PDB file of N, CA and C in Angstrom:
ATOM      1  N   UNK A   1      -1.614 -38.207  16.070  1.00  0.00           N
ATOM      2  CA  UNK A   1      -0.542 -38.064  15.106  1.00  0.00           C
ATOM      3  C   UNK A   1       0.721 -38.676  15.712  1.00  0.00           C
ATOM      4  N   UNK A   2       1.391 -39.453  14.923  1.00  0.00           N
ATOM      5  CA  UNK A   2       2.604 -40.090  15.408  1.00  0.00           C
ATOM      6  C   UNK A   2       3.738 -39.081  15.476  1.00  0.00           C
ATOM      7  N   UNK A   3       4.732 -39.401  16.244  1.00  0.00           N
ATOM      8  CA  UNK A   3       5.824 -38.485  16.528  1.00  0.00           C
ATOM      9  C   UNK A   3       6.496 -37.960  15.261  1.00  0.00           C
ATOM     10  N   UNK A   4       6.906 -38.828  14.365  1.00  0.00           N
ATOM     11  CA  UNK A   4       7.608 -38.410  13.159  1.00  0.00           C
ATOM     12  C   UNK A   4       6.715 -37.524  12.300  1.00  0.00           C
ATOM     13  N   UNK A   5       5.461 -37.901  12.132  1.00  0.00           N
ATOM     14  CA  UNK A   5       4.506 -37.095  11.365  1.00  0.00           C
ATOM     15  C   UNK A   5       4.330 -35.723  12.005  1.00  0.00           C
ATOM     16  N   UNK A   6       4.213 -35.705  13.330  1.00  0.00           N
ATOM     17  CA  UNK A   6       4.040 -34.455  14.056  1.00  0.00           C
ATOM     18  C   UNK A   6       5.238 -33.533  13.836  1.00  0.00           C
ATOM     19  N   UNK A   7       6.427 -34.067  13.951  1.00  0.00           N
ATOM     20  CA  UNK A   7       7.638 -33.261  13.777  1.00  0.00           C
ATOM     21  C   UNK A   7       7.713 -32.731  12.352  1.00  0.00           C
ATOM     22  N   UNK A   8       7.408 -33.556  11.373  1.00  0.00           N
ATOM     23  CA  UNK A   8       7.418 -33.117   9.978  1.00  0.00           C
ATOM     24  C   UNK A   8       6.393 -32.011   9.747  1.00  0.00           C
ATOM     25  N   UNK A   9       5.208 -32.178  10.308  1.00  0.00           N
ATOM     26  CA  UNK A   9       4.150 -31.175  10.160  1.00  0.00           C
ATOM     27  C   UNK A   9       4.560 -29.862  10.816  1.00  0.00           C
ATOM     28  N   UNK A  10       5.103 -29.931  12.013  1.00  0.00           N
ATOM     29  CA  UNK A  10       5.524 -28.723  12.719  1.00  0.00           C
ATOM     30  C   UNK A  10       6.677 -28.040  11.982  1.00  0.00           C
ATOM     31  N   UNK A  11       7.558 -28.824  11.372  1.00  0.00           N
ATOM     32  CA  UNK A  11       8.655 -28.259  10.589  1.00  0.00           C
ATOM     33  C   UNK A  11       8.112 -27.502   9.378  1.00  0.00           C
ATOM     34  N   UNK A  12       7.088 -28.055   8.734  1.00  0.00           N
ATOM     35  CA  UNK A  12       6.438 -27.364   7.619  1.00  0.00           C
ATOM     36  C   UNK A  12       5.800 -26.054   8.090  1.00  0.00           C
ATOM     37  N   UNK A  13       5.153 -26.094   9.242  1.00  0.00           N
ATOM     38  CA  UNK A  13       4.554 -24.873   9.810  1.00  0.00           C
ATOM     39  C   UNK A  13       5.635 -23.828  10.084  1.00  0.00           C
ATOM     40  N   UNK A  14       6.737 -24.268  10.665  1.00  0.00           N
ATOM     41  CA  UNK A  14       7.840 -23.348  10.969  1.00  0.00           C
ATOM     42  C   UNK A  14       8.372 -22.707   9.695  1.00  0.00           C
ATOM     43  N   UNK A  15       8.581 -23.502   8.652  1.00  0.00           N
ATOM     44  CA  UNK A  15       9.078 -22.959   7.386  1.00  0.00           C
ATOM     45  C   UNK A  15       8.096 -21.955   6.805  1.00  0.00           C
ATOM     46  N   UNK A  16       6.823 -22.300   6.792  1.00  0.00           N
ATOM     47  CA  UNK A  16       5.792 -21.418   6.215  1.00  0.00           C
ATOM     48  C   UNK A  16       5.704 -20.103   6.973  1.00  0.00           C
ATOM     49  N   UNK A  17       5.637 -20.196   8.299  1.00  0.00           N
ATOM     50  CA  UNK A  17       5.508 -18.991   9.116  1.00  0.00           C
ATOM     51  C   UNK A  17       6.771 -18.136   9.030  1.00  0.00           C
ATOM     52  N   UNK A  18       7.935 -18.764   9.020  1.00  0.00           N
ATOM     53  CA  UNK A  18       9.190 -18.011   8.912  1.00  0.00           C
ATOM     54  C   UNK A  18       9.230 -17.213   7.620  1.00  0.00           C
ATOM     55  N   UNK A  19       8.853 -17.824   6.515  1.00  0.00           N
ATOM     56  CA  UNK A  19       8.831 -17.120   5.234  1.00  0.00           C
ATOM     57  C   UNK A  19       7.818 -15.979   5.248  1.00  0.00           C
ATOM     58  N   UNK A  20       6.642 -16.228   5.798  1.00  0.00           N
ATOM     59  CA  UNK A  20       5.606 -15.191   5.851  1.00  0.00           C
ATOM     60  C   UNK A  20       6.056 -14.014   6.714  1.00  0.00           C
ATOM     61  N   UNK A  21       6.692 -14.298   7.836  1.00  0.00           N
ATOM     62  CA  UNK A  21       7.165 -13.237   8.729  1.00  0.00           C
ATOM     63  C   UNK A  21       8.234 -12.395   8.036  1.00  0.00           C
ATOM     64  N   UNK A  22       9.152 -13.030   7.330  1.00  0.00           N
ATOM     65  CA  UNK A  22      10.201 -12.279   6.635  1.00  0.00           C
ATOM     66  C   UNK A  22       9.602 -11.405   5.535  1.00  0.00           C
ATOM     67  N   UNK A  23       8.647 -11.934   4.773  1.00  0.00           N
ATOM     68  CA  UNK A  23       8.013 -11.156   3.714  1.00  0.00           C
ATOM     69  C   UNK A  23       7.236  -9.980   4.292  1.00  0.00           C
ATOM     70  N   UNK A  24       6.484 -10.234   5.363  1.00  0.00           N
ATOM     71  CA  UNK A  24       5.697  -9.168   5.973  1.00  0.00           C
ATOM     72  C   UNK A  24       6.601  -8.099   6.578  1.00  0.00           C
ATOM     73  N   UNK A  25       7.668  -8.507   7.203  1.00  0.00           N
ATOM     74  CA  UNK A  25       8.602  -7.537   7.786  1.00  0.00           C
ATOM     75  C   UNK A  25       9.177  -6.631   6.704  1.00  0.00           C
ATOM     76  N   UNK A  26       9.565  -7.212   5.612  1.00  0.00           N
ATOM     77  CA  UNK A  26      10.104  -6.428   4.495  1.00  0.00           C
ATOM     78  C   UNK A  26       9.042  -5.479   3.936  1.00  0.00           C
ATOM     79  N   UNK A  27       7.829  -5.990   3.748  1.00  0.00           N
ATOM     80  CA  UNK A  27       6.740  -5.164   3.229  1.00  0.00           C
ATOM     81  C   UNK A  27       6.396  -4.037   4.200  1.00  0.00           C
ATOM     82  N   UNK A  28       6.412  -4.321   5.497  1.00  0.00           N
ATOM     83  CA  UNK A  28       6.122  -3.281   6.490  1.00  0.00           C
ATOM     84  C   UNK A  28       7.207  -2.205   6.504  1.00  0.00           C
ATOM     85  N   UNK A  29       8.456  -2.611   6.321  1.00  0.00           N
ATOM     86  CA  UNK A  29       9.535  -1.623   6.229  1.00  0.00           C
ATOM     87  C   UNK A  29       9.281  -0.689   5.053  1.00  0.00           C
ATOM     88  N   UNK A  30       8.963  -1.254   3.905  1.00  0.00           N
ATOM     89  CA  UNK A  30       8.708  -0.453   2.706  1.00  0.00           C
ATOM     90  C   UNK A  30       7.467   0.425   2.890  1.00  0.00           C
ATOM     91  N   UNK A  31       6.425  -0.120   3.480  1.00  0.00           N
ATOM     92  CA  UNK A  31       5.185   0.618   3.715  1.00  0.00           C
ATOM     93  C   UNK A  31       5.423   1.779   4.683  1.00  0.00           C
ATOM     94  N   UNK A  32       6.197   1.525   5.708  1.00  0.00           N
ATOM     95  CA  UNK A  32       6.519   2.574   6.685  1.00  0.00           C
ATOM     96  C   UNK A  32       7.285   3.710   6.019  1.00  0.00           C
ATOM     97  N   UNK A  33       8.247   3.357   5.186  1.00  0.00           N
ATOM     98  CA  UNK A  33       9.033   4.374   4.490  1.00  0.00           C
ATOM     99  C   UNK A  33       8.183   5.184   3.508  1.00  0.00           C
ATOM    100  N   UNK A  34       7.098   4.612   3.027  1.00  0.00           N
ATOM    101  CA  UNK A  34       6.241   5.283   2.049  1.00  0.00           C
ATOM    102  C   UNK A  34       5.200   6.201   2.699  1.00  0.00           C
ATOM    103  N   UNK A  35       5.096   6.214   4.007  1.00  0.00           N
ATOM    104  CA  UNK A  35       4.039   6.970   4.674  1.00  0.00           C
ATOM    105  C   UNK A  35       4.138   8.476   4.442  1.00  0.00           C
ATOM    106  N   UNK A  36       5.346   9.015   4.402  1.00  0.00           N
ATOM    107  CA  UNK A  36       5.491  10.456   4.146  1.00  0.00           C
ATOM    108  C   UNK A  36       4.993  10.790   2.736  1.00  0.00           C
ATOM    109  N   UNK A  37       5.323   9.951   1.778  1.00  0.00           N
ATOM    110  CA  UNK A  37       4.841  10.151   0.405  1.00  0.00           C
ATOM    111  C   UNK A  37       3.315  10.049   0.365  1.00  0.00           C
ATOM    112  N   UNK A  38       2.758   9.144   1.131  1.00  0.00           N
ATOM    113  CA  UNK A  38       1.302   8.996   1.195  1.00  0.00           C
ATOM    114  C   UNK A  38       0.654  10.256   1.759  1.00  0.00           C
ATOM    115  N   UNK A  39       1.235  10.812   2.807  1.00  0.00           N
ATOM    116  CA  UNK A  39       0.701  12.049   3.393  1.00  0.00           C
ATOM    117  C   UNK A  39       0.788  13.203   2.396  1.00  0.00           C
ATOM    118  N   UNK A  40       1.895  13.268   1.654  1.00  0.00           N
ATOM    119  CA  UNK A  40       2.038  14.320   0.648  1.00  0.00           C
ATOM    120  C   UNK A  40       1.007  14.158  -0.469  1.00  0.00           C
ATOM    121  N   UNK A  41       0.775  12.927  -0.903  1.00  0.00           N
ATOM    122  CA  UNK A  41      -0.252  12.676  -1.923  1.00  0.00           C
ATOM    123  C   UNK A  41      -1.629  13.091  -1.434  1.00  0.00           C
ATOM    124  N   UNK A  42      -1.936  12.745  -0.187  1.00  0.00           N
ATOM    125  CA  UNK A  42      -3.240  13.092   0.382  1.00  0.00           C
ATOM    126  C   UNK A  42      -3.416  14.604   0.441  1.00  0.00           C
ATOM    127  N   UNK A  43      -2.377  15.301   0.850  1.00  0.00           N
ATOM    128  CA  UNK A  43      -2.433  16.752   0.923  1.00  0.00           C
ATOM    129  C   UNK A  43      -2.583  17.356  -0.475  1.00  0.00           C
ATOM    130  N   UNK A  44      -1.815  16.843  -1.422  1.00  0.00           N
ATOM    131  CA  UNK A  44      -1.880  17.338  -2.803  1.00  0.00           C
ATOM    132  C   UNK A  44      -3.274  17.129  -3.391  1.00  0.00           C
ATOM    133  N   UNK A  45      -3.836  15.944  -3.168  1.00  0.00           N
ATOM    134  CA  UNK A  45      -5.130  15.591  -3.754  1.00  0.00           C
ATOM    135  C   UNK A  45      -6.251  16.519  -3.282  1.00  0.00           C
ATOM    136  N   UNK A  46      -6.120  17.050  -2.075  1.00  0.00           N
ATOM    137  CA  UNK A  46      -7.164  17.934  -1.549  1.00  0.00           C
ATOM    138  C   UNK A  46      -6.803  19.412  -1.713  1.00  0.00           C
ATOM    139  N   UNK A  47      -5.761  19.694  -2.485  1.00  0.00           N
ATOM    140  CA  UNK A  47      -5.284  21.076  -2.603  1.00  0.00           C
ATOM    141  C   UNK A  47      -5.806  21.771  -3.859  1.00  0.00           C
ATOM    142  N   UNK A  48      -5.689  23.095  -3.835  1.00  0.00           N
ATOM    143  CA  UNK A  48      -5.994  23.890  -5.017  1.00  0.00           C
ATOM    144  C   UNK A  48      -4.981  23.617  -6.135  1.00  0.00           C
ATOM    145  N   UNK A  49      -3.757  23.248  -5.752  1.00  0.00           N
ATOM    146  CA  UNK A  49      -2.751  22.922  -6.766  1.00  0.00           C
ATOM    147  C   UNK A  49      -3.203  21.740  -7.620  1.00  0.00           C
ATOM    148  N   UNK A  50      -3.730  20.687  -6.968  1.00  0.00           N
ATOM    149  CA  UNK A  50      -4.198  19.531  -7.724  1.00  0.00           C
ATOM    150  C   UNK A  50      -5.331  19.934  -8.657  1.00  0.00           C
ATOM    151  N   UNK A  51      -6.244  20.743  -8.148  1.00  0.00           N
ATOM    152  CA  UNK A  51      -7.375  21.186  -8.971  1.00  0.00           C
ATOM    153  C   UNK A  51      -6.879  21.961 -10.193  1.00  0.00           C
ATOM    154  N   UNK A  52      -5.867  22.816  -9.983  1.00  0.00           N
ATOM    155  CA  UNK A  52      -5.312  23.577 -11.106  1.00  0.00           C
ATOM    156  C   UNK A  52      -4.583  22.655 -12.083  1.00  0.00           C
ATOM    157  N   UNK A  53      -3.799  21.730 -11.548  1.00  0.00           N
ATOM    158  CA  UNK A  53      -3.083  20.784 -12.406  1.00  0.00           C
ATOM    159  C   UNK A  53      -4.072  19.948 -13.214  1.00  0.00           C
ATOM    160  N   UNK A  54      -5.140  19.521 -12.575  1.00  0.00           N
ATOM    161  CA  UNK A  54      -6.171  18.737 -13.244  1.00  0.00           C
ATOM    162  C   UNK A  54      -6.825  19.558 -14.356  1.00  0.00           C
ATOM    163  N   UNK A  55      -7.177  20.797 -14.049  1.00  0.00           N
ATOM    164  CA  UNK A  55      -7.813  21.672 -15.039  1.00  0.00           C
ATOM    165  C   UNK A  55      -6.873  21.928 -16.220  1.00  0.00           C
ATOM    166  N   UNK A  56      -5.601  22.157 -15.934  1.00  0.00           N
ATOM    167  CA  UNK A  56      -4.638  22.380 -17.009  1.00  0.00           C
ATOM    168  C   UNK A  56      -4.489  21.136 -17.882  1.00  0.00           C
ATOM    169  N   UNK A  57      -4.534  19.979 -17.262  1.00  0.00           N
ATOM    170  CA  UNK A  57      -4.466  18.740 -18.036  1.00  0.00           C
ATOM    171  C   UNK A  57      -5.696  18.594 -18.926  1.00  0.00           C
ATOM    172  N   UNK A  58      -6.851  18.850 -18.353  1.00  0.00           N
ATOM    173  CA  UNK A  58      -8.095  18.765 -19.132  1.00  0.00           C
ATOM    174  C   UNK A  58      -8.098  19.750 -20.300  1.00  0.00           C
ATOM    175  N   UNK A  59      -7.446  20.891 -20.109  1.00  0.00           N
ATOM    176  CA  UNK A  59      -7.388  21.916 -21.154  1.00  0.00           C
ATOM    177  C   UNK A  59      -6.282  21.637 -22.178  1.00  0.00           C
ATOM    178  N   UNK A  60      -5.532  20.550 -21.976  1.00  0.00           N
ATOM    179  CA  UNK A  60      -4.477  20.199 -22.911  1.00  0.00           C
ATOM    180  C   UNK A  60      -3.223  21.039 -22.782  1.00  0.00           C
ATOM    181  N   UNK A  61      -3.011  21.652 -21.621  1.00  0.00           N
ATOM    182  CA  UNK A  61      -1.874  22.542 -21.424  1.00  0.00           C
ATOM    183  C   UNK A  61      -0.600  21.834 -20.959  1.00  0.00           C
ATOM    184  N   UNK A  62      -0.697  20.576 -20.626  1.00  0.00           N
ATOM    185  CA  UNK A  62       0.468  19.836 -20.150  1.00  0.00           C
ATOM    186  C   UNK A  62       1.068  19.021 -21.288  1.00  0.00           C
ATOM    187  N   UNK A  63       2.364  18.757 -21.228  1.00  0.00           N
ATOM    188  CA  UNK A  63       3.007  17.958 -22.288  1.00  0.00           C
ATOM    189  C   UNK A  63       2.347  16.586 -22.424  1.00  0.00           C
ATOM    190  N   UNK A  64       2.196  16.140 -23.654  1.00  0.00           N
ATOM    191  CA  UNK A  64       1.525  14.863 -23.914  1.00  0.00           C
ATOM    192  C   UNK A  64       2.297  13.679 -23.354  1.00  0.00           C
ATOM    193  N   UNK A  65       3.621  13.788 -23.256  1.00  0.00           N
ATOM    194  CA  UNK A  65       4.431  12.674 -22.775  1.00  0.00           C
ATOM    195  C   UNK A  65       4.626  12.685 -21.249  1.00  0.00           C
ATOM    196  N   UNK A  66       3.966  13.603 -20.561  1.00  0.00           N
ATOM    197  CA  UNK A  66       4.068  13.693 -19.101  1.00  0.00           C
ATOM    198  C   UNK A  66       3.223  12.595 -18.454  1.00  0.00           C
ATOM    199  N   UNK A  67       3.845  11.784 -17.612  1.00  0.00           N
ATOM    200  CA  UNK A  67       3.094  10.780 -16.859  1.00  0.00           C
ATOM    201  C   UNK A  67       2.181  11.529 -15.902  1.00  0.00           C
ATOM    202  N   UNK A  68       0.879  11.221 -15.928  1.00  0.00           N
ATOM    203  CA  UNK A  68      -0.076  12.019 -15.158  1.00  0.00           C
ATOM    204  C   UNK A  68      -1.150  11.200 -14.453  1.00  0.00           C
ATOM    205  N   UNK A  69      -0.786   9.995 -14.060  1.00  0.00           N
ATOM    206  CA  UNK A  69      -1.729   9.171 -13.302  1.00  0.00           C
ATOM    207  C   UNK A  69      -2.219   9.858 -12.036  1.00  0.00           C
ATOM    208  N   UNK A  70      -1.368  10.708 -11.492  1.00  0.00           N
ATOM    209  CA  UNK A  70      -1.700  11.440 -10.276  1.00  0.00           C
ATOM    210  C   UNK A  70      -2.853  12.417 -10.510  1.00  0.00           C
ATOM    211  N   UNK A  71      -3.123  12.734 -11.782  1.00  0.00           N
ATOM    212  CA  UNK A  71      -4.213  13.666 -12.088  1.00  0.00           C
ATOM    213  C   UNK A  71      -5.521  12.959 -12.398  1.00  0.00           C
ATOM    214  N   UNK A  72      -5.492  11.628 -12.426  1.00  0.00           N
ATOM    215  CA  UNK A  72      -6.763  10.929 -12.603  1.00  0.00           C
ATOM    216  C   UNK A  72      -7.558  11.108 -11.310  1.00  0.00           C
ATOM    217  N   UNK A  73      -8.849  11.099 -11.419  1.00  0.00           N
ATOM    218  CA  UNK A  73      -9.653  11.333 -10.221  1.00  0.00           C
ATOM    219  C   UNK A  73      -9.672  10.121  -9.292  1.00  0.00           C
ATOM    220  N   UNK A  74      -9.271   8.961  -9.803  1.00  0.00           N
ATOM    221  CA  UNK A  74      -9.353   7.746  -9.001  1.00  0.00           C
ATOM    222  C   UNK A  74      -8.019   7.257  -8.444  1.00  0.00           C
ATOM    223  N   UNK A  75      -6.922   7.534  -9.123  1.00  0.00           N
ATOM    224  CA  UNK A  75      -5.648   6.914  -8.745  1.00  0.00           C
ATOM    225  C   UNK A  75      -5.239   7.227  -7.305  1.00  0.00           C
ATOM    226  N   UNK A  76      -5.210   8.495  -6.940  1.00  0.00           N
ATOM    227  CA  UNK A  76      -4.807   8.845  -5.575  1.00  0.00           C
ATOM    228  C   UNK A  76      -5.858   8.373  -4.581  1.00  0.00           C
ATOM    229  N   UNK A  77      -7.126   8.573  -4.899  1.00  0.00           N
ATOM    230  CA  UNK A  77      -8.190   8.147  -3.985  1.00  0.00           C
ATOM    231  C   UNK A  77      -8.083   6.646  -3.737  1.00  0.00           C
ATOM    232  N   UNK A  78      -7.842   5.878  -4.792  1.00  0.00           N
ATOM    233  CA  UNK A  78      -7.743   4.421  -4.640  1.00  0.00           C
ATOM    234  C   UNK A  78      -6.578   4.021  -3.744  1.00  0.00           C
ATOM    235  N   UNK A  79      -5.415   4.654  -3.929  1.00  0.00           N
ATOM    236  CA  UNK A  79      -4.268   4.289  -3.101  1.00  0.00           C
ATOM    237  C   UNK A  79      -4.494   4.719  -1.641  1.00  0.00           C
ATOM    238  N   UNK A  80      -5.151   5.846  -1.429  1.00  0.00           N
ATOM    239  CA  UNK A  80      -5.467   6.261  -0.063  1.00  0.00           C
ATOM    240  C   UNK A  80      -6.444   5.281   0.585  1.00  0.00           C
ATOM    241  N   UNK A  81      -7.447   4.873  -0.156  1.00  0.00           N
ATOM    242  CA  UNK A  81      -8.425   3.911   0.363  1.00  0.00           C
ATOM    243  C   UNK A  81      -7.772   2.556   0.617  1.00  0.00           C
ATOM    244  N   UNK A  82      -6.929   2.118  -0.299  1.00  0.00           N
ATOM    245  CA  UNK A  82      -6.212   0.854  -0.102  1.00  0.00           C
ATOM    246  C   UNK A  82      -5.357   0.914   1.155  1.00  0.00           C
ATOM    247  N   UNK A  83      -4.697   2.035   1.370  1.00  0.00           N
ATOM    248  CA  UNK A  83      -3.869   2.199   2.559  1.00  0.00           C
ATOM    249  C   UNK A  83      -4.721   2.140   3.831  1.00  0.00           C
ATOM    250  N   UNK A  84      -5.861   2.806   3.810  1.00  0.00           N
ATOM    251  CA  UNK A  84      -6.764   2.744   4.975  1.00  0.00           C
ATOM    252  C   UNK A  84      -7.214   1.307   5.238  1.00  0.00           C
ATOM    253  N   UNK A  85      -7.532   0.596   4.169  1.00  0.00           N
ATOM    254  CA  UNK A  85      -7.974  -0.798   4.319  1.00  0.00           C
ATOM    255  C   UNK A  85      -6.860  -1.675   4.881  1.00  0.00           C
ATOM    256  N   UNK A  86      -5.636  -1.453   4.433  1.00  0.00           N
ATOM    257  CA  UNK A  86      -4.505  -2.212   4.968  1.00  0.00           C
ATOM    258  C   UNK A  86      -4.319  -1.912   6.452  1.00  0.00           C
ATOM    259  N   UNK A  87      -4.420  -0.634   6.824  1.00  0.00           N
ATOM    260  CA  UNK A  87      -4.288  -0.263   8.236  1.00  0.00           C
ATOM    261  C   UNK A  87      -5.356  -0.956   9.074  1.00  0.00           C
ATOM    262  N   UNK A  88      -6.580  -1.008   8.558  1.00  0.00           N
ATOM    263  CA  UNK A  88      -7.670  -1.683   9.267  1.00  0.00           C
ATOM    264  C   UNK A  88      -7.373  -3.172   9.398  1.00  0.00           C
ATOM    265  N   UNK A  89      -6.908  -3.780   8.322  1.00  0.00           N
ATOM    266  CA  UNK A  89      -6.575  -5.207   8.370  1.00  0.00           C
ATOM    267  C   UNK A  89      -5.491  -5.478   9.398  1.00  0.00           C
ATOM    268  N   UNK A  90      -4.468  -4.623   9.451  1.00  0.00           N
ATOM    269  CA  UNK A  90      -3.393  -4.820  10.426  1.00  0.00           C
ATOM    270  C   UNK A  90      -3.938  -4.706  11.849  1.00  0.00           C
ATOM    271  N   UNK A  91      -4.821  -3.744  12.080  1.00  0.00           N
ATOM    272  CA  UNK A  91      -5.428  -3.608  13.401  1.00  0.00           C
ATOM    273  C   UNK A  91      -6.220  -4.864  13.765  1.00  0.00           C
ATOM    274  N   UNK A  92      -6.978  -5.387  12.795  1.00  0.00           N
ATOM    275  CA  UNK A  92      -7.763  -6.596  13.039  1.00  0.00           C
ATOM    276  C   UNK A  92      -6.867  -7.780  13.352  1.00  0.00           C
ATOM    277  N   UNK A  93      -5.767  -7.919  12.629  1.00  0.00           N
ATOM    278  CA  UNK A  93      -4.837  -9.022  12.875  1.00  0.00           C
ATOM    279  C   UNK A  93      -4.247  -8.890  14.267  1.00  0.00           C
ATOM    280  N   UNK A  94      -3.906  -7.686  14.669  1.00  0.00           N
ATOM    281  CA  UNK A  94      -3.296  -7.490  15.990  1.00  0.00           C
ATOM    282  C   UNK A  94      -4.289  -7.717  17.124  1.00  0.00           C
ATOM    283  N   UNK A  95      -5.558  -7.622  16.840  1.00  0.00           N
ATOM    284  CA  UNK A  95      -6.581  -7.812  17.877  1.00  0.00           C
ATOM    285  C   UNK A  95      -7.071  -9.250  17.961  1.00  0.00           C
ATOM    286  N   UNK A  96      -6.494 -10.121  17.183  1.00  0.00           N
ATOM    287  CA  UNK A  96      -6.922 -11.538  17.204  1.00  0.00           C
ATOM    288  C   UNK A  96      -6.479 -12.183  18.493  1.00  0.00           C
TER     289      UNK A  96
END
């Protein structure tokens, strides 16, 4: 590769990596801040409170306009699993 081509290519790499690092840093900050909420969701999902809330929803005892994605059987489980998968991916990236 000739000098000018090499410098242009390396400049493109620098721009790409710089943008990726800034995006990942921002996402990691947000993810880190969300960890307490994730722990609370995990605790709630395995609690008797969740089971009661779920049963009350199934019985039609909750307001119809109440947002209740948290009472679906998959929503919390999916976000917990996604979080575990992200943690695994980060570990794999760090071990490269």
